[in-house]
C-alpha atoms as a PDB file:
ATOM      1  CA  MET A   1      28.868   0.018 132.030  1.00  0.00           C
ATOM      2  CA  SER A   2      29.080  -2.355 129.485  1.00  0.00           C
ATOM      3  CA  ASP A   3      26.819  -5.025 128.872  1.00  0.00           C
ATOM      4  CA  LYS A   4      29.561  -7.751 128.211  1.00  0.00           C
ATOM      5  CA  LYS A   5      29.233 -10.309 130.558  1.00  0.00           C
ATOM      6  CA  ASP A   6      32.938 -11.229 130.765  1.00  0.00           C
ATOM      7  CA  GLU A   7      33.725  -7.730 132.060  1.00  0.00           C
ATOM      8  CA  VAL A   8      36.205  -7.807 134.529  1.00  0.00           C
ATOM      9  CA  ILE A   9      35.818  -4.880 136.797  1.00  0.00           C
ATOM     10  CA  VAL A  10      39.204  -3.607 138.234  1.00  0.00           C
ATOM     11  CA  VAL A  11      39.268  -1.454 141.263  1.00  0.00           C
ATOM     12  CA  GLY A  12      41.358  -0.200 144.015  1.00  0.00           C
ATOM     13  CA  HIS A  13      40.056   0.575 147.856  1.00  0.00           C
ATOM     14  CA  ARG A  14      37.595   3.203 148.918  1.00  0.00           C
ATOM     15  CA  ASN A  15      38.730   6.180 149.680  1.00  0.00           C
ATOM     16  CA  PRO A  16      41.138   5.931 146.931  1.00  0.00           C
ATOM     17  CA  ASP A  17      44.782   7.191 147.129  1.00  0.00           C
ATOM     18  CA  THR A  18      46.820   7.567 144.075  1.00  0.00           C
ATOM     19  CA  ASP A  19      48.087   4.124 144.351  1.00  0.00           C
ATOM     20  CA  ALA A  20      44.569   2.829 144.022  1.00  0.00           C
ATOM     21  CA  ILE A  21      43.817   4.882 141.111  1.00  0.00           C
ATOM     22  CA  THR A  22      46.342   4.544 139.027  1.00  0.00           C
ATOM     23  CA  ALA A  23      46.825   0.670 140.076  1.00  0.00           C
ATOM     24  CA  ALA A  24      43.214   0.309 138.567  1.00  0.00           C
ATOM     25  CA  MET A  25      43.925   2.145 135.413  1.00  0.00           C
ATOM     26  CA  VAL A  26      47.183   0.483 134.783  1.00  0.00           C
ATOM     27  CA  TYR A  27      46.085  -3.052 135.598  1.00  0.00           C
ATOM     28  CA  ALA A  28      42.975  -2.913 133.575  1.00  0.00           C
ATOM     29  CA  ASP A  29      45.344  -1.666 130.779  1.00  0.00           C
ATOM     30  CA  PHE A  30      47.493  -4.605 131.853  1.00  0.00           C
ATOM     31  CA  LEU A  31      44.893  -7.238 131.317  1.00  0.00           C
ATOM     32  CA  ARG A  32      43.150  -5.688 127.919  1.00  0.00           C
ATOM     33  CA  ARG A  33      46.622  -6.597 126.704  1.00  0.00           C
ATOM     34  CA  MET A  34      47.042  -9.941 128.144  1.00  0.00           C
ATOM     35  CA  GLY A  35      43.277 -10.186 126.236  1.00  0.00           C
ATOM     36  CA  VAL A  36      41.171  -9.685 129.063  1.00  0.00           C
ATOM     37  CA  ASN A  37      38.012  -7.556 128.806  1.00  0.00           C
ATOM     38  CA  ALA A  38      39.040  -5.318 131.653  1.00  0.00           C
ATOM     39  CA  LYS A  39      37.815  -2.103 132.918  1.00  0.00           C
ATOM     40  CA  ALA A  40      38.752   0.164 135.708  1.00  0.00           C
ATOM     41  CA  TYR A  41      36.532   1.744 138.007  1.00  0.00           C
ATOM     42  CA  ARG A  42      36.858   3.964 140.996  1.00  0.00           C
ATOM     43  CA  LEU A  43      35.372   3.534 144.928  1.00  0.00           C
ATOM     44  CA  GLY A  44      35.470   7.227 146.159  1.00  0.00           C
ATOM     45  CA  GLU A  45      36.314  10.549 145.030  1.00  0.00           C
ATOM     46  CA  LEU A  46      40.179  11.659 143.988  1.00  0.00           C
ATOM     47  CA  ASN A  47      42.284  13.652 146.156  1.00  0.00           C
ATOM     48  CA  ASN A  48      44.116  16.299 144.871  1.00  0.00           C
ATOM     49  CA  GLU A  49      47.274  14.706 144.454  1.00  0.00           C
ATOM     50  CA  THR A  50      45.877  12.248 142.168  1.00  0.00           C
ATOM     51  CA  LYS A  51      44.068  15.128 140.366  1.00  0.00           C
ATOM     52  CA  PHE A  52      47.377  16.600 140.033  1.00  0.00           C
ATOM     53  CA  VAL A  53      48.822  13.466 138.611  1.00  0.00           C
ATOM     54  CA  LEU A  54      46.410  12.544 136.105  1.00  0.00           C
ATOM     55  CA  LYS A  55      46.241  16.093 135.013  1.00  0.00           C
ATOM     56  CA  THR A  56      49.882  15.969 134.241  1.00  0.00           C
ATOM     57  CA  VAL A  57      49.595  12.855 132.044  1.00  0.00           C
ATOM     58  CA  GLU A  58      46.340  14.169 130.575  1.00  0.00           C
ATOM     59  CA  MET A  59      43.877  11.462 131.552  1.00  0.00           C
ATOM     60  CA  GLU A  60      40.326  11.154 132.770  1.00  0.00           C
ATOM     61  CA  ALA A  61      40.081   9.620 136.055  1.00  0.00           C
ATOM     62  CA  PRO A  62      38.070   5.979 135.969  1.00  0.00           C
ATOM     63  CA  ASP A  63      34.314   5.972 136.365  1.00  0.00           C
ATOM     64  CA  MET A  64      32.661   5.711 139.749  1.00  0.00           C
ATOM     65  CA  ILE A  65      31.371   1.896 140.057  1.00  0.00           C
ATOM     66  CA  PRO A  66      28.029   1.494 139.310  1.00  0.00           C
ATOM     67  CA  ASP A  67      25.119   0.573 142.423  1.00  0.00           C
ATOM     68  CA  ASN A  68      23.956  -2.103 140.677  1.00  0.00           C
ATOM     69  CA  VAL A  69      26.965  -4.454 139.548  1.00  0.00           C
ATOM     70  CA  PRO A  70      25.541  -7.791 138.866  1.00  0.00           C
ATOM     71  CA  GLU A  71      26.292 -10.610 141.177  1.00  0.00           C
ATOM     72  CA  GLY A  72      28.706 -13.207 139.936  1.00  0.00           C
ATOM     73  CA  THR A  73      30.450 -10.210 138.194  1.00  0.00           C
ATOM     74  CA  GLN A  74      34.587 -10.614 137.529  1.00  0.00           C
ATOM     75  CA  VAL A  75      36.455  -8.545 139.870  1.00  0.00           C
ATOM     76  CA  ALA A  76      40.128  -7.640 139.814  1.00  0.00           C
ATOM     77  CA  LEU A  77      41.484  -6.324 143.119  1.00  0.00           C
ATOM     78  CA  VAL A  78      44.251  -3.970 143.366  1.00  0.00           C
ATOM     79  CA  ASP A  79      46.005  -1.903 146.252  1.00  0.00           C
ATOM     80  CA  HIS A  80      43.346  -4.211 148.492  1.00  0.00           C
ATOM     81  CA  ASN A  81      42.002  -7.245 149.488  1.00  0.00           C
ATOM     82  CA  GLU A  82      39.871  -7.079 152.440  1.00  0.00           C
ATOM     83  CA  SER A  83      35.966  -6.618 151.807  1.00  0.00           C
ATOM     84  CA  GLN A  84      35.415  -3.915 154.132  1.00  0.00           C
ATOM     85  CA  GLN A  85      37.588  -1.850 152.017  1.00  0.00           C
ATOM     86  CA  SER A  86      36.427  -2.697 148.933  1.00  0.00           C
ATOM     87  CA  MET A  87      33.039  -2.444 146.859  1.00  0.00           C
ATOM     88  CA  GLU A  88      29.349  -3.375 148.171  1.00  0.00           C
ATOM     89  CA  ASN A  89      28.678  -7.102 147.761  1.00  0.00           C
ATOM     90  CA  LEU A  90      32.078  -8.287 147.049  1.00  0.00           C
ATOM     91  CA  LYS A  91      31.071 -11.652 148.556  1.00  0.00           C
ATOM     92  CA  LYS A  92      28.534 -12.238 145.921  1.00  0.00           C
ATOM     93  CA  MET A  93      31.366 -10.780 143.158  1.00  0.00           C
ATOM     94  CA  ARG A  94      33.871 -13.351 141.598  1.00  0.00           C
ATOM     95  CA  VAL A  95      37.183 -12.443 142.445  1.00  0.00           C
ATOM     96  CA  SER A  96      39.434 -13.543 139.866  1.00  0.00           C
ATOM     97  CA  HIS A  97      42.753 -11.350 140.003  1.00  0.00           C
ATOM     98  CA  VAL A  98      44.244  -9.671 143.412  1.00  0.00           C
ATOM     99  CA  VAL A  99      47.667  -7.453 143.347  1.00  0.00           C
ATOM    100  CA  ASP A 100      48.261  -6.158 146.252  1.00  0.00           C
ATOM    101  CA  HIS A 101      51.077  -5.117 148.997  1.00  0.00           C
ATOM    102  CA  HIS A 102      48.881  -5.455 152.006  1.00  0.00           C
ATOM    103  CA  LYS A 103      48.384  -8.292 154.936  1.00  0.00           C
ATOM    104  CA  ILE A 104      45.917 -10.687 153.229  1.00  0.00           C
ATOM    105  CA  GLY A 105      42.663 -10.119 155.444  1.00  0.00           C
ATOM    106  CA  ASP A 106      39.283 -11.857 154.953  1.00  0.00           C
ATOM    107  CA  LEU A 107      39.722 -12.739 151.230  1.00  0.00           C
ATOM    108  CA  THR A 108      38.184 -15.818 150.188  1.00  0.00           C
ATOM    109  CA  THR A 109      37.439 -17.024 146.307  1.00  0.00           C
ATOM    110  CA  SER A 110      34.912 -19.479 144.982  1.00  0.00           C
ATOM    111  CA  GLU A 111      37.273 -20.528 142.635  1.00  0.00           C
ATOM    112  CA  PRO A 112      41.045 -20.439 141.700  1.00  0.00           C
ATOM    113  CA  VAL A 113      42.347 -16.883 141.381  1.00  0.00           C
ATOM    114  CA  TYR A 114      45.545 -15.121 140.181  1.00  0.00           C
ATOM    115  CA  LEU A 115      46.967 -13.653 143.191  1.00  0.00           C
ATOM    116  CA  ARG A 116      50.233 -11.502 143.363  1.00  0.00           C
ATOM    117  CA  PHE A 117      51.332 -10.163 146.939  1.00  0.00           C
ATOM    118  CA  GLU A 118      54.553  -8.856 147.579  1.00  0.00           C
ATOM    119  CA  PRO A 119      56.019  -6.752 150.571  1.00  0.00           C
ATOM    120  CA  VAL A 120      56.750  -3.844 148.918  1.00  0.00           C
ATOM    121  CA  GLY A 121      55.903  -0.213 149.625  1.00  0.00           C
ATOM    122  CA  CYS A 122      53.438   0.382 146.567  1.00  0.00           C
ATOM    123  CA  THR A 123      51.211  -1.634 143.921  1.00  0.00           C
ATOM    124  CA  ALA A 124      52.702   0.171 141.370  1.00  0.00           C
ATOM    125  CA  THR A 125      56.000  -1.557 141.840  1.00  0.00           C
ATOM    126  CA  ILE A 126      54.300  -5.052 141.450  1.00  0.00           C
ATOM    127  CA  LEU A 127      52.459  -3.750 138.450  1.00  0.00           C
ATOM    128  CA  THR A 128      55.606  -2.557 136.870  1.00  0.00           C
ATOM    129  CA  LYS A 129      57.059  -5.884 137.744  1.00  0.00           C
ATOM    130  CA  LEU A 130      54.603  -7.527 135.279  1.00  0.00           C
ATOM    131  CA  PHE A 131      55.031  -5.399 132.701  1.00  0.00           C
ATOM    132  CA  ARG A 132      58.506  -6.076 132.489  1.00  0.00           C
ATOM    133  CA  GLU A 133      57.751  -9.906 133.074  1.00  0.00           C
ATOM    134  CA  ASN A 134      55.879  -9.901 129.929  1.00  0.00           C
ATOM    135  CA  ASN A 135      57.959  -7.934 127.792  1.00  0.00           C
ATOM    136  CA  LEU A 136      55.286  -5.208 127.382  1.00  0.00           C
ATOM    137  CA  ASP A 137      56.410  -1.773 126.336  1.00  0.00           C
ATOM    138  CA  MET A 138      55.399   0.896 128.296  1.00  0.00           C
ATOM    139  CA  ASP A 139      54.371   4.438 127.474  1.00  0.00           C
ATOM    140  CA  GLN A 140      55.487   7.648 129.206  1.00  0.00           C
ATOM    141  CA  LYS A 141      51.835   8.332 130.443  1.00  0.00           C
ATOM    142  CA  THR A 142      52.075   4.762 132.152  1.00  0.00           C
ATOM    143  CA  ALA A 143      55.329   4.909 133.465  1.00  0.00           C
ATOM    144  CA  THR A 144      54.577   8.423 135.333  1.00  0.00           C
ATOM    145  CA  LEU A 145      51.038   6.842 136.755  1.00  0.00           C
ATOM    146  CA  LEU A 146      53.248   4.387 138.356  1.00  0.00           C
ATOM    147  CA  LEU A 147      56.467   6.561 139.256  1.00  0.00           C
ATOM    148  CA  SER A 148      53.635   8.757 140.920  1.00  0.00           C
ATOM    149  CA  ALA A 149      52.247   6.254 143.058  1.00  0.00           C
ATOM    150  CA  ILE A 150      55.642   4.850 144.525  1.00  0.00           C
ATOM    151  CA  LEU A 151      56.459   8.335 145.413  1.00  0.00           C
ATOM    152  CA  SER A 152      53.726   9.032 146.846  1.00  0.00           C
ATOM    153  CA  ASP A 153      52.879   5.570 148.618  1.00  0.00           C
ATOM    154  CA  THR A 154      56.689   5.563 149.729  1.00  0.00           C
ATOM    155  CA  LEU A 155      57.055   9.457 150.441  1.00  0.00           C
ATOM    156  CA  HIS A 156      59.539   9.681 147.884  1.00  0.00           C
ATOM    157  CA  PHE A 157      61.313   6.673 149.364  1.00  0.00           C
ATOM    158  CA  GLN A 158      61.489   7.792 153.001  1.00  0.00           C
ATOM    159  CA  SER A 159      58.564   5.834 154.704  1.00  0.00           C
ATOM    160  CA  PRO A 160      59.697   2.974 156.434  1.00  0.00           C
ATOM    161  CA  THR A 161      57.596   0.621 153.504  1.00  0.00           C
ATOM    162  CA  THR A 162      60.384   1.133 151.218  1.00  0.00           C
ATOM    163  CA  THR A 163      62.186  -1.669 149.930  1.00  0.00           C
ATOM    164  CA  ASP A 164      65.372  -1.960 147.167  1.00  0.00           C
ATOM    165  CA  ASP A 165      62.360  -2.944 144.890  1.00  0.00           C
ATOM    166  CA  ASP A 166      60.361   0.051 144.880  1.00  0.00           C
ATOM    167  CA  ARG A 167      63.924   2.244 144.491  1.00  0.00           C
ATOM    168  CA  LYS A 168      65.040   0.155 141.663  1.00  0.00           C
ATOM    169  CA  ILE A 169      61.865   0.446 139.797  1.00  0.00           C
ATOM    170  CA  GLY A 170      61.599   4.023 140.773  1.00  0.00           C
ATOM    171  CA  GLU A 171      64.874   4.055 139.235  1.00  0.00           C
ATOM    172  CA  TYR A 172      63.593   2.452 135.781  1.00  0.00           C
ATOM    173  CA  LEU A 173      60.695   4.126 135.756  1.00  0.00           C
ATOM    174  CA  GLN A 174      62.027   7.867 135.729  1.00  0.00           C
ATOM    175  CA  PRO A 175      63.495   8.279 132.290  1.00  0.00           C
ATOM    176  CA  ILE A 176      60.556   6.578 130.511  1.00  0.00           C
ATOM    177  CA  ALA A 177      58.357   8.724 132.695  1.00  0.00           C
ATOM    178  CA  LYS A 178      60.781  11.666 131.074  1.00  0.00           C
ATOM    179  CA  ILE A 179      60.524  13.422 134.831  1.00  0.00           C
ATOM    180  CA  ASP A 180      64.248  14.921 134.794  1.00  0.00           C
ATOM    181  CA  ASP A 181      63.895  16.770 138.051  1.00  0.00           C
ATOM    182  CA  LEU A 182      62.439  13.982 140.429  1.00  0.00           C
ATOM    183  CA  LYS A 183      62.630  16.472 143.405  1.00  0.00           C
ATOM    184  CA  SER A 184      60.806  19.496 142.020  1.00  0.00           C
ATOM    185  CA  TYR A 185      58.061  16.715 140.960  1.00  0.00           C
ATOM    186  CA  VAL A 186      57.767  15.410 144.305  1.00  0.00           C
ATOM    187  CA  ASN A 187      57.617  18.875 145.834  1.00  0.00           C
ATOM    188  CA  LYS A 188      54.583  19.435 143.312  1.00  0.00           C
ATOM    189  CA  LEU A 189      53.116  15.758 144.260  1.00  0.00           C
ATOM    190  CA  PHE A 190      53.269  16.440 148.072  1.00  0.00           C
ATOM    191  CA  GLU A 191      51.813  20.383 147.852  1.00  0.00           C
ATOM    192  CA  ALA A 192      48.899  18.757 145.933  1.00  0.00           C
ATOM    193  CA  LYS A 193      48.764  16.129 148.780  1.00  0.00           C
ATOM    194  CA  SER A 194      48.852  18.865 151.359  1.00  0.00           C
ATOM    195  CA  ASP A 195      46.099  21.137 149.457  1.00  0.00           C
ATOM    196  CA  LEU A 196      43.292  20.939 151.644  1.00  0.00           C
ATOM    197  CA  THR A 197      41.188  24.325 150.144  1.00  0.00           C
ATOM    198  CA  GLY A 198      37.755  23.991 149.822  1.00  0.00           C
ATOM    199  CA  PHE A 199      37.750  20.300 151.734  1.00  0.00           C
ATOM    200  CA  SER A 200      35.570  20.172 154.542  1.00  0.00           C
ATOM    201  CA  THR A 201      36.866  18.472 158.103  1.00  0.00           C
ATOM    202  CA  HIS A 202      34.548  15.574 157.344  1.00  0.00           C
ATOM    203  CA  LYS A 203      36.180  15.326 153.837  1.00  0.00           C
ATOM    204  CA  VAL A 204      40.046  15.516 155.218  1.00  0.00           C
ATOM    205  CA  LEU A 205      39.215  12.753 157.631  1.00  0.00           C
ATOM    206  CA  PHE A 206      38.007  10.197 155.167  1.00  0.00           C
ATOM    207  CA  LEU A 207      40.817  11.245 152.478  1.00  0.00           C
ATOM    208  CA  ASP A 208      43.058   7.989 153.627  1.00  0.00           C
ATOM    209  CA  TYR A 209      40.456   6.091 155.917  1.00  0.00           C
ATOM    210  CA  LYS A 210      40.399   2.483 156.491  1.00  0.00           C
ATOM    211  CA  THR A 211      38.485  -0.140 158.812  1.00  0.00           C
ATOM    212  CA  PHE A 212      39.733  -2.544 160.350  1.00  0.00           C
ATOM    213  CA  GLN A 213      38.975  -5.264 163.191  1.00  0.00           C
ATOM    214  CA  PHE A 214      40.913  -6.433 165.645  1.00  0.00           C
ATOM    215  CA  ASN A 215      39.572  -9.539 167.778  1.00  0.00           C
ATOM    216  CA  ASN A 216      36.055  -8.297 167.930  1.00  0.00           C
ATOM    217  CA  GLU A 217      37.005  -4.526 167.888  1.00  0.00           C
ATOM    218  CA  GLN A 218      36.072  -2.322 165.194  1.00  0.00           C
ATOM    219  CA  TRP A 219      38.232   0.375 164.109  1.00  0.00           C
ATOM    220  CA  GLY A 220      38.706   3.408 162.064  1.00  0.00           C
ATOM    221  CA  VAL A 221      42.412   4.326 161.120  1.00  0.00           C
ATOM    222  CA  GLY A 222      43.026   7.357 159.300  1.00  0.00           C
ATOM    223  CA  THR A 223      46.021   9.359 157.852  1.00  0.00           C
ATOM    224  CA  GLY A 224      46.419  12.609 156.394  1.00  0.00           C
ATOM    225  CA  GLU A 225      49.630  13.565 155.155  1.00  0.00           C
ATOM    226  CA  THR A 226      50.770  16.817 155.053  1.00  0.00           C
ATOM    227  CA  CYS A 227      53.396  19.584 154.362  1.00  0.00           C
ATOM    228  CA  ASN A 228      51.763  22.072 157.074  1.00  0.00           C
ATOM    229  CA  VAL A 229      50.654  20.211 160.210  1.00  0.00           C
ATOM    230  CA  ASP A 230      49.983  23.535 162.226  1.00  0.00           C
ATOM    231  CA  LYS A 231      47.171  24.049 159.353  1.00  0.00           C
ATOM    232  CA  MET A 232      45.748  20.264 159.587  1.00  0.00           C
ATOM    233  CA  LEU A 233      45.909  21.068 163.700  1.00  0.00           C
ATOM    234  CA  GLU A 234      43.650  24.189 163.538  1.00  0.00           C
ATOM    235  CA  ARG A 235      41.070  21.971 162.655  1.00  0.00           C
ATOM    236  CA  LYS A 236      41.382  19.552 166.107  1.00  0.00           C
ATOM    237  CA  ASP A 237      38.032  20.596 167.229  1.00  0.00           C
ATOM    238  CA  GLU A 238      36.137  19.785 163.882  1.00  0.00           C
ATOM    239  CA  PHE A 239      38.056  16.556 163.699  1.00  0.00           C
ATOM    240  CA  LEU A 240      37.163  15.848 167.396  1.00  0.00           C
ATOM    241  CA  LYS A 241      33.383  16.029 166.663  1.00  0.00           C
ATOM    242  CA  GLU A 242      33.499  14.645 163.308  1.00  0.00           C
ATOM    243  CA  ILE A 243      35.452  11.255 164.771  1.00  0.00           C
ATOM    244  CA  ASP A 244      32.822  11.277 167.397  1.00  0.00           C
ATOM    245  CA  GLU A 245      30.147  11.277 165.003  1.00  0.00           C
ATOM    246  CA  GLU A 246      31.204   8.606 162.636  1.00  0.00           C
ATOM    247  CA  LYS A 247      31.834   5.920 165.646  1.00  0.00           C
ATOM    248  CA  LYS A 248      28.183   6.710 166.713  1.00  0.00           C
ATOM    249  CA  LYS A 249      27.010   6.326 163.479  1.00  0.00           C
ATOM    250  CA  HIS A 250      28.422   3.041 162.729  1.00  0.00           C
ATOM    251  CA  ASN A 251      29.123   1.704 166.223  1.00  0.00           C
ATOM    252  CA  LEU A 252      33.127   1.670 166.181  1.00  0.00           C
ATOM    253  CA  ASN A 253      35.381   0.875 169.210  1.00  0.00           C
ATOM    254  CA  GLY A 254      37.157   3.397 168.251  1.00  0.00           C
ATOM    255  CA  ILE A 255      39.197   6.029 165.614  1.00  0.00           C
ATOM    256  CA  LEU A 256      42.927   7.058 165.383  1.00  0.00           C
ATOM    257  CA  PHE A 257      43.236   9.762 162.862  1.00  0.00           C
ATOM    258  CA  SER A 258      47.356  10.687 162.466  1.00  0.00           C
ATOM    259  CA  ILE A 259      48.347  13.659 161.016  1.00  0.00           C
ATOM    260  CA  VAL A 260      51.298  12.894 159.354  1.00  0.00           C
ATOM    261  CA  ASP A 261      54.366  15.494 158.558  1.00  0.00           C
ATOM    262  CA  ILE A 262      55.786  14.369 155.066  1.00  0.00           C
ATOM    263  CA  ILE A 263      58.757  16.238 155.432  1.00  0.00           C
ATOM    264  CA  ASN A 264      59.842  15.499 159.153  1.00  0.00           C
ATOM    265  CA  GLN A 265      58.649  12.125 159.248  1.00  0.00           C
ATOM    266  CA  LYS A 266      56.724  12.712 162.221  1.00  0.00           C
ATOM    267  CA  ASN A 267      53.113  11.233 163.197  1.00  0.00           C
ATOM    268  CA  LEU A 268      50.523  13.626 165.598  1.00  0.00           C
ATOM    269  CA  THR A 269      47.470  11.461 166.274  1.00  0.00           C
ATOM    270  CA  ILE A 270      44.371  12.748 167.390  1.00  0.00           C
ATOM    271  CA  ILE A 271      42.650  10.973 170.165  1.00  0.00           C
ATOM    272  CA  SER A 272      38.998  11.794 170.554  1.00  0.00           C
ATOM    273  CA  GLY A 273      37.695   9.233 173.560  1.00  0.00           C
ATOM    274  CA  GLU A 274      38.846   6.833 176.226  1.00  0.00           C
ATOM    275  CA  ASN A 275      39.183   3.613 174.330  1.00  0.00           C
ATOM    276  CA  GLU A 276      41.725   5.545 172.101  1.00  0.00           C
ATOM    277  CA  GLU A 277      43.598   7.236 174.814  1.00  0.00           C
ATOM    278  CA  LYS A 278      43.958   3.961 176.771  1.00  0.00           C
ATOM    279  CA  VAL A 279      45.354   2.233 172.931  1.00  0.00           C
ATOM    280  CA  ALA A 280      47.857   5.193 172.413  1.00  0.00           C
ATOM    281  CA  ARG A 281      49.304   4.389 176.213  1.00  0.00           C
ATOM    282  CA  GLU A 282      49.259   0.718 175.733  1.00  0.00           C
ATOM    283  CA  ALA A 283      49.833  -0.038 172.059  1.00  0.00           C
ATOM    284  CA  PHE A 284      52.029   3.054 171.488  1.00  0.00           C
ATOM    285  CA  GLN A 285      53.558   3.985 174.966  1.00  0.00           C
ATOM    286  CA  ALA A 286      52.428   7.814 173.801  1.00  0.00           C
ATOM    287  CA  ASP A 287      51.435  10.113 176.270  1.00  0.00           C
ATOM    288  CA  VAL A 288      47.961  12.331 175.548  1.00  0.00           C
ATOM    289  CA  LYS A 289      47.809  15.839 175.848  1.00  0.00           C
ATOM    290  CA  ASP A 290      44.635  18.142 174.764  1.00  0.00           C
ATOM    291  CA  HIS A 291      43.624  14.957 172.548  1.00  0.00           C
ATOM    292  CA  ILE A 292      46.886  14.556 170.744  1.00  0.00           C
ATOM    293  CA  ALA A 293      49.073  11.939 170.851  1.00  0.00           C
ATOM    294  CA  ASP A 294      52.788  11.830 169.895  1.00  0.00           C
ATOM    295  CA  PHE A 295      53.412   8.588 167.890  1.00  0.00           C
ATOM    296  CA  GLY A 296      57.098  10.000 166.809  1.00  0.00           C
ATOM    297  CA  SER A 297      58.231   8.632 163.582  1.00  0.00           C
ATOM    298  CA  ARG A 298      55.393   5.893 163.185  1.00  0.00           C
ATOM    299  CA  VAL A 299      54.254   7.012 159.912  1.00  0.00           C
ATOM    300  CA  SER A 300      53.062   3.994 158.129  1.00  0.00           C
ATOM    301  CA  ARG A 301      49.619   2.831 158.904  1.00  0.00           C
ATOM    302  CA  LYS A 302      50.342  -0.556 157.291  1.00  0.00           C
ATOM    303  CA  LYS A 303      54.032  -1.224 158.825  1.00  0.00           C
ATOM    304  CA  GLN A 304      53.571   0.608 162.124  1.00  0.00           C
ATOM    305  CA  ILE A 305      50.048   1.365 163.259  1.00  0.00           C
ATOM    306  CA  VAL A 306      47.996  -1.558 162.225  1.00  0.00           C
ATOM    307  CA  PRO A 307      50.433  -4.165 163.088  1.00  0.00           C
ATOM    308  CA  ALA A 308      50.857  -2.756 166.888  1.00  0.00           C
ATOM    309  CA  LEU A 309      46.881  -2.698 166.943  1.00  0.00           C
ATOM    310  CA  GLU A 310      47.008  -6.205 165.964  1.00  0.00           C
ATOM    311  CA  ALA A 311      49.310  -7.030 168.777  1.00  0.00           C
ATOM    312  CA  TYR A 312      47.965  -5.054 171.217  1.00  0.00           C
ATOM    313  CA  PHE A 313      44.347  -6.711 170.712  1.00  0.00           C
ATOM    314  CA  ASN A 314      45.643 -10.388 170.347  1.00  0.00           C
ATOM    315  CA  GLN A 315      47.702 -10.069 173.524  1.00  0.00           C
ATOM    316  CA  LYS A 316      44.245  -8.960 175.255  1.00  0.00           C
ATOM    317  CA  SER A 317      42.163 -11.776 173.860  1.00  0.00           C
END
């Protein structure tokens, strides 16, 4: 890590997806162009989809964040704002910037901060607006990073989180990225997303996993997006074992792991215990059979799973 005291660390969330990695890279570049000494880092391993994107643009991934970040270091958060999804000791850092498209969690700062939150499908949509608002030129690689994140987060504009802004920004970015055949590129993106060759079940469970507090309960909510649901379901017993171990290890009240069919927009959620079964029936009106609950077309954790859990636990209190 640079010795420079004024370096701003730019990070996406733990268990990073394509938006978290590309947003950190692009926002660090944006801040540097604005005269801020910023550097992107990551809080975890890349998934295969993100590796495919970075290979496409021939760019290196950000470095893993070091263990010894000094207290009081300036930090810019992208694609998240809740401390439990962020770097260790976030509370001891100086959060100076946040660009995000999620609900505001436990974010507090000790000084005025630059905040940009918008209810859109992807952080990359907001970052593209920042480039345009500041009349910054955008090169092909940056446009490809941003467009890839939008296509990934919105499941090619099919996810319920998709907004008109995401679609318009996608149309704006496509010619700059020089991706002529969008459908073909999306197919490659989703194939990479679904490719779990060499991934342990433990790793698959945590590829896209976040923890949340609902009233006084701690829950984990994970998503496995795939074009091949059957292949994922073959690991059901292994998932159940991993989920039980994780609950014991971190004293969690429950974990919901959703297998999302990105072609047919369907969600089958693995239900490991009584708490999860109760929540599946009462919060989602879903039947549970052989540890699987059919959550129908609820494919968005941000818009359909977490709000339903919040509403359920709030009315219990």
